Amino acid sequence: MTPSLAHTLGRTKKAAGRRSAENESLTAAGRAGFVARGVVYVLIGVLALRIALGSGGKEADRQGALAEVAEQPFGEVMLWALVVGFGCMALWRGSRAAGRRGPRRKAASRALDGGRAAFYAFVCWATATYAAGGSQGSSGDAKSQDYTKTTLELPYGRYLVGAAGCVLIGVGVVLAVRAMMRRFLKQLDLGSLKGRTRKVVTVLGVTGGTARGAVFAAAGVFIVTAAVQFDPDEAKGVDATLRSFAHTPAGPWLLAAVAAGLILFGVFSFASARWRKL
């Protein structure tokens, strides 16, 4: 073997080693991110279930979930663990948006991952601020109303708010339909999911994904209502959206069902951390 060939082979092996290490790191980041997402969804579901049962106090949203974590033994440590998890999710989504993970994907899919990366980066920053002793600011419902009010005051603001609501409704419908069609199974390592385990994970994905989509769609309906009535107070955050389910003819039972679905989606996120193809 000539020196130049040996040198080239050495550089190729080093590059392959770096890529392998990078892939392993990004895979670990993705798994950590799904665990963090699962924790928050489980807690939101538990808080919503307490409201349905008449024993709730905290807001059933991400802010309420973080407050619940902070009250537990070693709460500060757990909050920082969530910060790391959300940061890892942002990193993993960003790598997919940049085309560094998996096979070549369509531009729309990469753009969607880019948006998700930005969202989780914001969640990471907000969680870190809270973990460091800062305030989460106003409630999620108040923030939703403030954003809606600001947008309504812009030229064509009513149409912008209405369009945002329609997009949110569309996202919710897509999430629910994809869950019911079991599209998520394509993202899982089905070779490792067999028998009863696969059935359980499928139920978690269908039920949890449908409940999640219903919450998104309901929130979008309230935003569209705010646009039609030109009233920012009609806009609702996650907490008020969930509470609205209790005011339907089905009463608290519907809220309890949605809350249980969100808990199941959180558990499905844990399953994704274990079996998703990352």
C-alpha atoms as a PDB file:
ATOM      1  CA  MET A   1       0.000   0.000   0.000  1.00  0.00           C
ATOM      2  CA  THR A   2       1.416   3.335  -1.016  1.00  0.00           C
ATOM      3  CA  PRO A   3       1.763   6.127   1.598  1.00  0.00           C
ATOM      4  CA  SER A   4      -0.772   8.309  -0.231  1.00  0.00           C
ATOM      5  CA  LEU A   5      -3.365   5.513  -0.299  1.00  0.00           C
ATOM      6  CA  ALA A   6      -2.797   4.754   3.365  1.00  0.00           C
ATOM      7  CA  HIS A   7      -3.198   8.452   4.158  1.00  0.00           C
ATOM      8  CA  THR A   8      -6.453   8.610   2.177  1.00  0.00           C
ATOM      9  CA  LEU A   9      -7.839   5.507   3.897  1.00  0.00           C
ATOM     10  CA  GLY A  10      -6.897   6.957   7.269  1.00  0.00           C
ATOM     11  CA  ARG A  11      -8.734  10.200   6.543  1.00  0.00           C
ATOM     12  CA  THR A  12     -11.776   8.244   5.324  1.00  0.00           C
ATOM     13  CA  LYS A  13     -11.880   6.181   8.532  1.00  0.00           C
ATOM     14  CA  LYS A  14     -11.578   9.306  10.673  1.00  0.00           C
ATOM     15  CA  ALA A  15     -14.383  11.019   8.750  1.00  0.00           C
ATOM     16  CA  ALA A  16     -16.568   7.922   9.112  1.00  0.00           C
ATOM     17  CA  GLY A  17     -15.804   7.848  12.828  1.00  0.00           C
ATOM     18  CA  ARG A  18     -16.789  11.498  13.200  1.00  0.00           C
ATOM     19  CA  ARG A  19     -20.044  10.919  11.323  1.00  0.00           C
ATOM     20  CA  SER A  20     -20.816   7.895  13.472  1.00  0.00           C
ATOM     21  CA  ALA A  21     -20.175   9.845  16.673  1.00  0.00           C
ATOM     22  CA  GLU A  22     -22.302  12.718  15.396  1.00  0.00           C
ATOM     23  CA  ASN A  23     -25.156  10.380  14.507  1.00  0.00           C
ATOM     24  CA  GLU A  24     -25.036   8.753  17.932  1.00  0.00           C
ATOM     25  CA  SER A  25     -25.070  12.138  19.635  1.00  0.00           C
ATOM     26  CA  LEU A  26     -28.034  13.347  17.589  1.00  0.00           C
ATOM     27  CA  THR A  27     -29.897  10.100  18.248  1.00  0.00           C
ATOM     28  CA  ALA A  28     -29.364  10.538  21.984  1.00  0.00           C
ATOM     29  CA  ALA A  29     -30.515  14.147  21.689  1.00  0.00           C
ATOM     30  CA  GLY A  30     -33.711  13.088  19.946  1.00  0.00           C
ATOM     31  CA  ARG A  31     -34.504  10.496  22.587  1.00  0.00           C
ATOM     32  CA  ALA A  32     -33.930  12.999  25.388  1.00  0.00           C
ATOM     33  CA  GLY A  33     -36.209  15.451  23.616  1.00  0.00           C
ATOM     34  CA  PHE A  34     -39.069  12.979  23.370  1.00  0.00           C
ATOM     35  CA  VAL A  35     -38.739  12.174  27.074  1.00  0.00           C
ATOM     36  CA  ALA A  36     -38.989  15.883  27.945  1.00  0.00           C
ATOM     37  CA  ARG A  37     -42.041  16.263  25.701  1.00  0.00           C
ATOM     38  CA  GLY A  38     -43.619  13.233  27.340  1.00  0.00           C
ATOM     39  CA  VAL A  39     -43.147  14.603  30.853  1.00  0.00           C
ATOM     40  CA  VAL A  40     -44.876  17.876  29.989  1.00  0.00           C
ATOM     41  CA  TYR A  41     -47.821  16.224  28.222  1.00  0.00           C
ATOM     42  CA  VAL A  42     -48.368  13.783  31.070  1.00  0.00           C
ATOM     43  CA  LEU A  43     -48.390  16.631  33.590  1.00  0.00           C
ATOM     44  CA  ILE A  44     -50.739  18.772  31.479  1.00  0.00           C
ATOM     45  CA  GLY A  45     -53.079  15.804  31.219  1.00  0.00           C
ATOM     46  CA  VAL A  46     -52.949  15.189  34.974  1.00  0.00           C
ATOM     47  CA  LEU A  47     -53.683  18.856  35.702  1.00  0.00           C
ATOM     48  CA  ALA A  48     -56.603  18.821  33.238  1.00  0.00           C
ATOM     49  CA  LEU A  49     -57.917  15.621  34.819  1.00  0.00           C
ATOM     50  CA  ARG A  50     -57.854  17.286  38.241  1.00  0.00           C
ATOM     51  CA  ILE A  51     -59.909  20.142  36.821  1.00  0.00           C
ATOM     52  CA  ALA A  52     -62.411  17.682  35.363  1.00  0.00           C
ATOM     53  CA  LEU A  53     -62.723  15.992  38.746  1.00  0.00           C
ATOM     54  CA  GLY A  54     -63.181  19.317  40.500  1.00  0.00           C
ATOM     55  CA  SER A  55     -59.881  19.233  42.398  1.00  0.00           C
ATOM     56  CA  GLY A  56     -57.712  21.275  40.069  1.00  0.00           C
ATOM     57  CA  GLY A  57     -55.840  24.424  40.973  1.00  0.00           C
ATOM     58  CA  LYS A  58     -52.947  24.985  38.579  1.00  0.00           C
ATOM     59  CA  GLU A  59     -53.332  25.923  34.943  1.00  0.00           C
ATOM     60  CA  ALA A  60     -53.417  22.914  32.654  1.00  0.00           C
ATOM     61  CA  ASP A  61     -50.671  24.052  30.288  1.00  0.00           C
ATOM     62  CA  ARG A  62     -46.884  24.082  30.037  1.00  0.00           C
ATOM     63  CA  GLN A  63     -46.591  26.759  32.712  1.00  0.00           C
ATOM     64  CA  GLY A  64     -48.707  24.739  35.106  1.00  0.00           C
ATOM     65  CA  ALA A  65     -46.660  21.633  34.313  1.00  0.00           C
ATOM     66  CA  LEU A  66     -43.395  23.414  35.148  1.00  0.00           C
ATOM     67  CA  ALA A  67     -44.878  24.718  38.389  1.00  0.00           C
ATOM     68  CA  GLU A  68     -45.884  21.162  39.269  1.00  0.00           C
ATOM     69  CA  VAL A  69     -42.339  19.937  38.617  1.00  0.00           C
ATOM     70  CA  ALA A  70     -40.830  22.741  40.699  1.00  0.00           C
ATOM     71  CA  GLU A  71     -42.843  21.648  43.749  1.00  0.00           C
ATOM     72  CA  GLN A  72     -41.471  18.111  43.715  1.00  0.00           C
ATOM     73  CA  PRO A  73     -38.400  16.915  45.635  1.00  0.00           C
ATOM     74  CA  PHE A  74     -35.349  17.813  43.552  1.00  0.00           C
ATOM     75  CA  GLY A  75     -37.679  19.987  41.481  1.00  0.00           C
ATOM     76  CA  GLU A  76     -34.924  22.354  40.409  1.00  0.00           C
ATOM     77  CA  VAL A  77     -32.819  19.456  39.147  1.00  0.00           C
ATOM     78  CA  MET A  78     -35.796  18.102  37.195  1.00  0.00           C
ATOM     79  CA  LEU A  79     -36.461  21.526  35.683  1.00  0.00           C
ATOM     80  CA  TRP A  80     -32.907  21.739  34.398  1.00  0.00           C
ATOM     81  CA  ALA A  81     -33.235  18.202  33.062  1.00  0.00           C
ATOM     82  CA  LEU A  82     -36.245  19.426  31.057  1.00  0.00           C
ATOM     83  CA  VAL A  83     -34.174  22.376  29.829  1.00  0.00           C
ATOM     84  CA  VAL A  84     -31.583  19.919  28.517  1.00  0.00           C
ATOM     85  CA  GLY A  85     -34.302  17.756  26.993  1.00  0.00           C
ATOM     86  CA  PHE A  86     -35.957  20.618  25.138  1.00  0.00           C
ATOM     87  CA  GLY A  87     -32.574  21.862  23.964  1.00  0.00           C
ATOM     88  CA  CYS A  88     -31.821  18.375  22.659  1.00  0.00           C
ATOM     89  CA  MET A  89     -35.159  18.283  20.840  1.00  0.00           C
ATOM     90  CA  ALA A  90     -34.385  21.640  19.204  1.00  0.00           C
ATOM     91  CA  LEU A  91     -30.958  20.312  18.164  1.00  0.00           C
ATOM     92  CA  TRP A  92     -32.402  17.101  16.739  1.00  0.00           C
ATOM     93  CA  ARG A  93     -35.167  18.894  14.846  1.00  0.00           C
ATOM     94  CA  GLY A  94     -32.623  21.397  13.550  1.00  0.00           C
ATOM     95  CA  SER A  95     -30.406  18.588  12.265  1.00  0.00           C
ATOM     96  CA  ARG A  96     -33.360  17.144  10.364  1.00  0.00           C
ATOM     97  CA  ALA A  97     -34.175  20.559   8.922  1.00  0.00           C
ATOM     98  CA  ALA A  98     -30.586  20.868   7.764  1.00  0.00           C
ATOM     99  CA  GLY A  99     -30.784  17.455   6.091  1.00  0.00           C
ATOM    100  CA  ARG A 100     -28.194  15.842   8.359  1.00  0.00           C
ATOM    101  CA  ARG A 101     -30.500  13.052   9.526  1.00  0.00           C
ATOM    102  CA  GLY A 102     -32.064  10.240   7.526  1.00  0.00           C
ATOM    103  CA  PRO A 103     -32.699  10.045   3.773  1.00  0.00           C
ATOM    104  CA  ARG A 104     -33.247  13.061   1.558  1.00  0.00           C
ATOM    105  CA  ARG A 105     -36.546  14.715   2.475  1.00  0.00           C
ATOM    106  CA  LYS A 106     -38.836  17.200   0.798  1.00  0.00           C
ATOM    107  CA  ALA A 107     -38.298  20.902   1.396  1.00  0.00           C
ATOM    108  CA  ALA A 108     -41.698  21.187   3.101  1.00  0.00           C
ATOM    109  CA  SER A 109     -40.805  18.477   5.631  1.00  0.00           C
ATOM    110  CA  ARG A 110     -37.479  20.139   6.363  1.00  0.00           C
ATOM    111  CA  ALA A 111     -39.150  23.514   6.767  1.00  0.00           C
ATOM    112  CA  LEU A 112     -41.621  21.963   9.204  1.00  0.00           C
ATOM    113  CA  ASP A 113     -38.755  20.558  11.235  1.00  0.00           C
ATOM    114  CA  GLY A 114     -37.126  23.989  11.163  1.00  0.00           C
ATOM    115  CA  GLY A 115     -40.255  25.508  12.662  1.00  0.00           C
ATOM    116  CA  ARG A 116     -40.362  22.811  15.320  1.00  0.00           C
ATOM    117  CA  ALA A 117     -36.701  23.417  16.115  1.00  0.00           C
ATOM    118  CA  ALA A 118     -37.428  27.116  16.639  1.00  0.00           C
ATOM    119  CA  PHE A 119     -40.407  26.285  18.850  1.00  0.00           C
ATOM    120  CA  TYR A 120     -38.429  23.936  21.076  1.00  0.00           C
ATOM    121  CA  ALA A 121     -35.580  26.432  21.265  1.00  0.00           C
ATOM    122  CA  PHE A 122     -38.081  28.953  22.635  1.00  0.00           C
ATOM    123  CA  VAL A 123     -39.498  26.391  25.078  1.00  0.00           C
ATOM    124  CA  CYS A 124     -35.954  25.563  26.184  1.00  0.00           C
ATOM    125  CA  TRP A 125     -35.197  29.247  26.808  1.00  0.00           C
ATOM    126  CA  ALA A 126     -38.480  29.830  28.681  1.00  0.00           C
ATOM    127  CA  THR A 127     -37.937  26.737  30.838  1.00  0.00           C
ATOM    128  CA  ALA A 128     -34.345  27.778  31.603  1.00  0.00           C
ATOM    129  CA  THR A 129     -35.567  31.232  32.640  1.00  0.00           C
ATOM    130  CA  TYR A 130     -38.066  29.657  35.011  1.00  0.00           C
ATOM    131  CA  ALA A 131     -35.535  27.151  36.368  1.00  0.00           C
ATOM    132  CA  ALA A 132     -33.098  29.994  37.062  1.00  0.00           C
ATOM    133  CA  GLY A 133     -35.649  31.625  39.327  1.00  0.00           C
ATOM    134  CA  GLY A 134     -37.294  33.875  36.799  1.00  0.00           C
ATOM    135  CA  SER A 135     -41.002  34.276  36.208  1.00  0.00           C
ATOM    136  CA  GLN A 136     -42.944  32.695  33.392  1.00  0.00           C
ATOM    137  CA  GLY A 137     -44.738  35.988  32.982  1.00  0.00           C
ATOM    138  CA  SER A 138     -48.461  36.211  32.378  1.00  0.00           C
ATOM    139  CA  SER A 139     -50.564  33.099  31.936  1.00  0.00           C
ATOM    140  CA  GLY A 140     -50.819  31.301  28.633  1.00  0.00           C
ATOM    141  CA  ASP A 141     -54.402  32.510  28.230  1.00  0.00           C
ATOM    142  CA  ALA A 142     -53.390  36.135  28.856  1.00  0.00           C
ATOM    143  CA  LYS A 143     -50.512  35.846  26.389  1.00  0.00           C
ATOM    144  CA  SER A 144     -52.824  34.442  23.733  1.00  0.00           C
ATOM    145  CA  GLN A 145     -55.221  37.343  24.226  1.00  0.00           C
ATOM    146  CA  ASP A 146     -52.400  39.892  24.195  1.00  0.00           C
ATOM    147  CA  TYR A 147     -50.961  38.538  20.949  1.00  0.00           C
ATOM    148  CA  THR A 148     -54.421  38.480  19.399  1.00  0.00           C
ATOM    149  CA  LYS A 149     -55.141  42.047  20.483  1.00  0.00           C
ATOM    150  CA  THR A 150     -51.841  43.301  19.064  1.00  0.00           C
ATOM    151  CA  THR A 151     -52.458  41.541  15.763  1.00  0.00           C
ATOM    152  CA  LEU A 152     -56.051  42.787  15.491  1.00  0.00           C
ATOM    153  CA  GLU A 153     -54.775  46.358  15.732  1.00  0.00           C
ATOM    154  CA  LEU A 154     -52.605  45.881  12.621  1.00  0.00           C
ATOM    155  CA  PRO A 155     -53.833  46.642   9.096  1.00  0.00           C
ATOM    156  CA  TYR A 156     -55.808  43.608   7.971  1.00  0.00           C
ATOM    157  CA  GLY A 157     -55.243  42.267  11.491  1.00  0.00           C
ATOM    158  CA  ARG A 158     -58.607  40.525  11.556  1.00  0.00           C
ATOM    159  CA  TYR A 159     -57.652  38.512   8.486  1.00  0.00           C
ATOM    160  CA  LEU A 160     -54.235  37.663   9.928  1.00  0.00           C
ATOM    161  CA  VAL A 161     -55.810  36.414  13.147  1.00  0.00           C
ATOM    162  CA  GLY A 162     -58.428  34.471  11.203  1.00  0.00           C
ATOM    163  CA  ALA A 163     -55.758  32.903   9.014  1.00  0.00           C
ATOM    164  CA  ALA A 164     -53.729  31.907  12.084  1.00  0.00           C
ATOM    165  CA  GLY A 165     -56.809  30.293  13.593  1.00  0.00           C
ATOM    166  CA  CYS A 166     -57.534  28.394  10.393  1.00  0.00           C
ATOM    167  CA  VAL A 167     -53.937  27.148  10.263  1.00  0.00           C
ATOM    168  CA  LEU A 168     -54.205  25.944  13.857  1.00  0.00           C
ATOM    169  CA  ILE A 169     -57.480  24.172  13.080  1.00  0.00           C
ATOM    170  CA  GLY A 170     -55.839  22.569  10.058  1.00  0.00           C
ATOM    171  CA  VAL A 171     -52.867  21.430  12.133  1.00  0.00           C
ATOM    172  CA  GLY A 172     -55.195  19.931  14.720  1.00  0.00           C
ATOM    173  CA  VAL A 173     -57.241  18.088  12.101  1.00  0.00           C
ATOM    174  CA  VAL A 174     -54.100  16.758  10.410  1.00  0.00           C
ATOM    175  CA  LEU A 175     -52.661  15.578  13.726  1.00  0.00           C
ATOM    176  CA  ALA A 176     -55.886  13.791  14.626  1.00  0.00           C
ATOM    177  CA  VAL A 177     -56.381  12.224  11.196  1.00  0.00           C
ATOM    178  CA  ARG A 178     -52.768  11.068  10.967  1.00  0.00           C
ATOM    179  CA  ALA A 179     -53.096   9.534  14.426  1.00  0.00           C
ATOM    180  CA  MET A 180     -56.302   7.708  13.509  1.00  0.00           C
ATOM    181  CA  MET A 181     -54.695   6.481  10.284  1.00  0.00           C
ATOM    182  CA  ARG A 182     -51.718   5.247  12.331  1.00  0.00           C
ATOM    183  CA  ARG A 183     -49.246   7.145  10.184  1.00  0.00           C
ATOM    184  CA  PHE A 184     -46.910   7.351  13.171  1.00  0.00           C
ATOM    185  CA  LEU A 185     -46.129   3.647  12.790  1.00  0.00           C
ATOM    186  CA  LYS A 186     -43.915   4.495   9.804  1.00  0.00           C
ATOM    187  CA  GLN A 187     -41.647   6.420  12.163  1.00  0.00           C
ATOM    188  CA  LEU A 188     -41.218   3.552  14.604  1.00  0.00           C
ATOM    189  CA  ASP A 189     -38.835   0.605  14.532  1.00  0.00           C
ATOM    190  CA  LEU A 190     -41.530  -1.992  13.997  1.00  0.00           C
ATOM    191  CA  GLY A 191     -38.948  -4.767  13.975  1.00  0.00           C
ATOM    192  CA  SER A 192     -38.477  -4.215  17.704  1.00  0.00           C
ATOM    193  CA  LEU A 193     -42.191  -3.727  18.355  1.00  0.00           C
ATOM    194  CA  LYS A 194     -43.981  -7.044  18.390  1.00  0.00           C
ATOM    195  CA  GLY A 195     -47.049  -8.642  19.886  1.00  0.00           C
ATOM    196  CA  ARG A 196     -48.717  -6.924  22.801  1.00  0.00           C
ATOM    197  CA  THR A 197     -46.123  -4.131  22.990  1.00  0.00           C
ATOM    198  CA  ARG A 198     -46.922  -3.044  19.453  1.00  0.00           C
ATOM    199  CA  LYS A 199     -50.655  -3.087  20.185  1.00  0.00           C
ATOM    200  CA  VAL A 200     -50.187  -0.958  23.294  1.00  0.00           C
ATOM    201  CA  VAL A 201     -47.986   1.581  21.515  1.00  0.00           C
ATOM    202  CA  THR A 202     -50.509   1.756  18.669  1.00  0.00           C
ATOM    203  CA  VAL A 203     -53.352   2.501  21.093  1.00  0.00           C
ATOM    204  CA  LEU A 204     -51.222   5.169  22.787  1.00  0.00           C
ATOM    205  CA  GLY A 205     -50.438   6.807  19.452  1.00  0.00           C
ATOM    206  CA  VAL A 206     -53.994   6.754  18.115  1.00  0.00           C
ATOM    207  CA  THR A 207     -55.714   7.897  21.313  1.00  0.00           C
ATOM    208  CA  GLY A 208     -53.066  10.374  22.386  1.00  0.00           C
ATOM    209  CA  GLY A 209     -52.562  11.874  18.941  1.00  0.00           C
ATOM    210  CA  THR A 210     -56.301  12.323  18.432  1.00  0.00           C
ATOM    211  CA  ALA A 211     -56.679  14.105  21.774  1.00  0.00           C
ATOM    212  CA  ARG A 212     -53.727  16.352  20.986  1.00  0.00           C
ATOM    213  CA  GLY A 213     -55.197  17.235  17.610  1.00  0.00           C
ATOM    214  CA  ALA A 214     -58.562  18.026  19.213  1.00  0.00           C
ATOM    215  CA  VAL A 215     -56.925  20.547  21.559  1.00  0.00           C
ATOM    216  CA  PHE A 216     -55.093  22.250  18.688  1.00  0.00           C
ATOM    217  CA  ALA A 217     -58.264  22.443  16.593  1.00  0.00           C
ATOM    218  CA  ALA A 218     -60.347  23.788  19.492  1.00  0.00           C
ATOM    219  CA  ALA A 219     -57.778  26.493  20.190  1.00  0.00           C
ATOM    220  CA  GLY A 220     -57.904  27.434  16.498  1.00  0.00           C
ATOM    221  CA  VAL A 221     -61.706  27.748  16.640  1.00  0.00           C
ATOM    222  CA  PHE A 222     -61.429  30.254  19.486  1.00  0.00           C
ATOM    223  CA  ILE A 223     -58.877  32.297  17.535  1.00  0.00           C
ATOM    224  CA  VAL A 224     -61.150  32.369  14.482  1.00  0.00           C
ATOM    225  CA  THR A 225     -64.010  33.464  16.763  1.00  0.00           C
ATOM    226  CA  ALA A 226     -61.830  36.279  18.084  1.00  0.00           C
ATOM    227  CA  ALA A 227     -61.219  37.418  14.504  1.00  0.00           C
ATOM    228  CA  VAL A 228     -64.882  37.246  13.492  1.00  0.00           C
ATOM    229  CA  GLN A 229     -66.078  39.093  16.594  1.00  0.00           C
ATOM    230  CA  PHE A 230     -63.040  41.395  16.658  1.00  0.00           C
ATOM    231  CA  ASP A 231     -62.659  40.511  20.325  1.00  0.00           C
ATOM    232  CA  PRO A 232     -59.240  39.351  21.597  1.00  0.00           C
ATOM    233  CA  ASP A 233     -60.837  38.018  24.785  1.00  0.00           C
ATOM    234  CA  GLU A 234     -62.302  35.176  22.715  1.00  0.00           C
ATOM    235  CA  ALA A 235     -58.795  33.809  22.098  1.00  0.00           C
ATOM    236  CA  LYS A 236     -57.758  31.100  24.545  1.00  0.00           C
ATOM    237  CA  GLY A 237     -54.560  29.405  25.583  1.00  0.00           C
ATOM    238  CA  VAL A 238     -54.207  25.696  26.300  1.00  0.00           C
ATOM    239  CA  ASP A 239     -55.656  25.950  29.808  1.00  0.00           C
ATOM    240  CA  ALA A 240     -58.833  27.807  28.824  1.00  0.00           C
ATOM    241  CA  THR A 241     -59.215  25.620  25.738  1.00  0.00           C
ATOM    242  CA  LEU A 242     -59.131  22.494  27.871  1.00  0.00           C
ATOM    243  CA  ARG A 243     -61.569  23.968  30.389  1.00  0.00           C
ATOM    244  CA  SER A 244     -63.963  24.749  27.542  1.00  0.00           C
ATOM    245  CA  PHE A 245     -64.449  21.020  26.948  1.00  0.00           C
ATOM    246  CA  ALA A 246     -66.154  20.842  30.347  1.00  0.00           C
ATOM    247  CA  HIS A 247     -68.739  23.382  29.151  1.00  0.00           C
ATOM    248  CA  THR A 248     -70.005  21.201  26.317  1.00  0.00           C
ATOM    249  CA  PRO A 249     -73.151  19.034  26.636  1.00  0.00           C
ATOM    250  CA  ALA A 250     -70.849  16.154  27.629  1.00  0.00           C
ATOM    251  CA  GLY A 251     -69.723  18.191  30.626  1.00  0.00           C
ATOM    252  CA  PRO A 252     -66.586  17.320  32.624  1.00  0.00           C
ATOM    253  CA  TRP A 253     -66.567  13.842  31.127  1.00  0.00           C
ATOM    254  CA  LEU A 254     -65.324  15.189  27.804  1.00  0.00           C
ATOM    255  CA  LEU A 255     -62.562  17.129  29.543  1.00  0.00           C
ATOM    256  CA  ALA A 256     -61.632  13.978  31.465  1.00  0.00           C
ATOM    257  CA  ALA A 257     -61.464  12.012  28.197  1.00  0.00           C
ATOM    258  CA  VAL A 258     -59.253  14.639  26.525  1.00  0.00           C
ATOM    259  CA  ALA A 259     -57.065  14.833  29.633  1.00  0.00           C
ATOM    260  CA  ALA A 260     -56.627  11.062  29.614  1.00  0.00           C
ATOM    261  CA  GLY A 261     -55.724  11.285  25.935  1.00  0.00           C
ATOM    262  CA  LEU A 262     -53.011  13.859  26.633  1.00  0.00           C
ATOM    263  CA  ILE A 263     -51.579  11.617  29.336  1.00  0.00           C
ATOM    264  CA  LEU A 264     -51.525   8.754  26.843  1.00  0.00           C
ATOM    265  CA  PHE A 265     -49.780  11.001  24.306  1.00  0.00           C
ATOM    266  CA  GLY A 266     -47.146  11.725  26.914  1.00  0.00           C
ATOM    267  CA  VAL A 267     -46.647   8.001  27.426  1.00  0.00           C
ATOM    268  CA  PHE A 268     -46.485   7.591  23.634  1.00  0.00           C
ATOM    269  CA  SER A 269     -43.694  10.179  23.629  1.00  0.00           C
ATOM    270  CA  PHE A 270     -41.771   7.933  26.040  1.00  0.00           C
ATOM    271  CA  ALA A 271     -42.383   5.039  23.645  1.00  0.00           C
ATOM    272  CA  SER A 272     -41.101   7.229  20.799  1.00  0.00           C
ATOM    273  CA  ALA A 273     -37.932   7.877  22.779  1.00  0.00           C
ATOM    274  CA  ARG A 274     -37.409   4.121  22.866  1.00  0.00           C
ATOM    275  CA  TRP A 275     -38.619   2.913  19.476  1.00  0.00           C
ATOM    276  CA  ARG A 276     -38.703   5.849  17.065  1.00  0.00           C
ATOM    277  CA  LYS A 277     -36.306   5.657  14.140  1.00  0.00           C
ATOM    278  CA  LEU A 278     -34.023   8.604  14.846  1.00  0.00           C
END
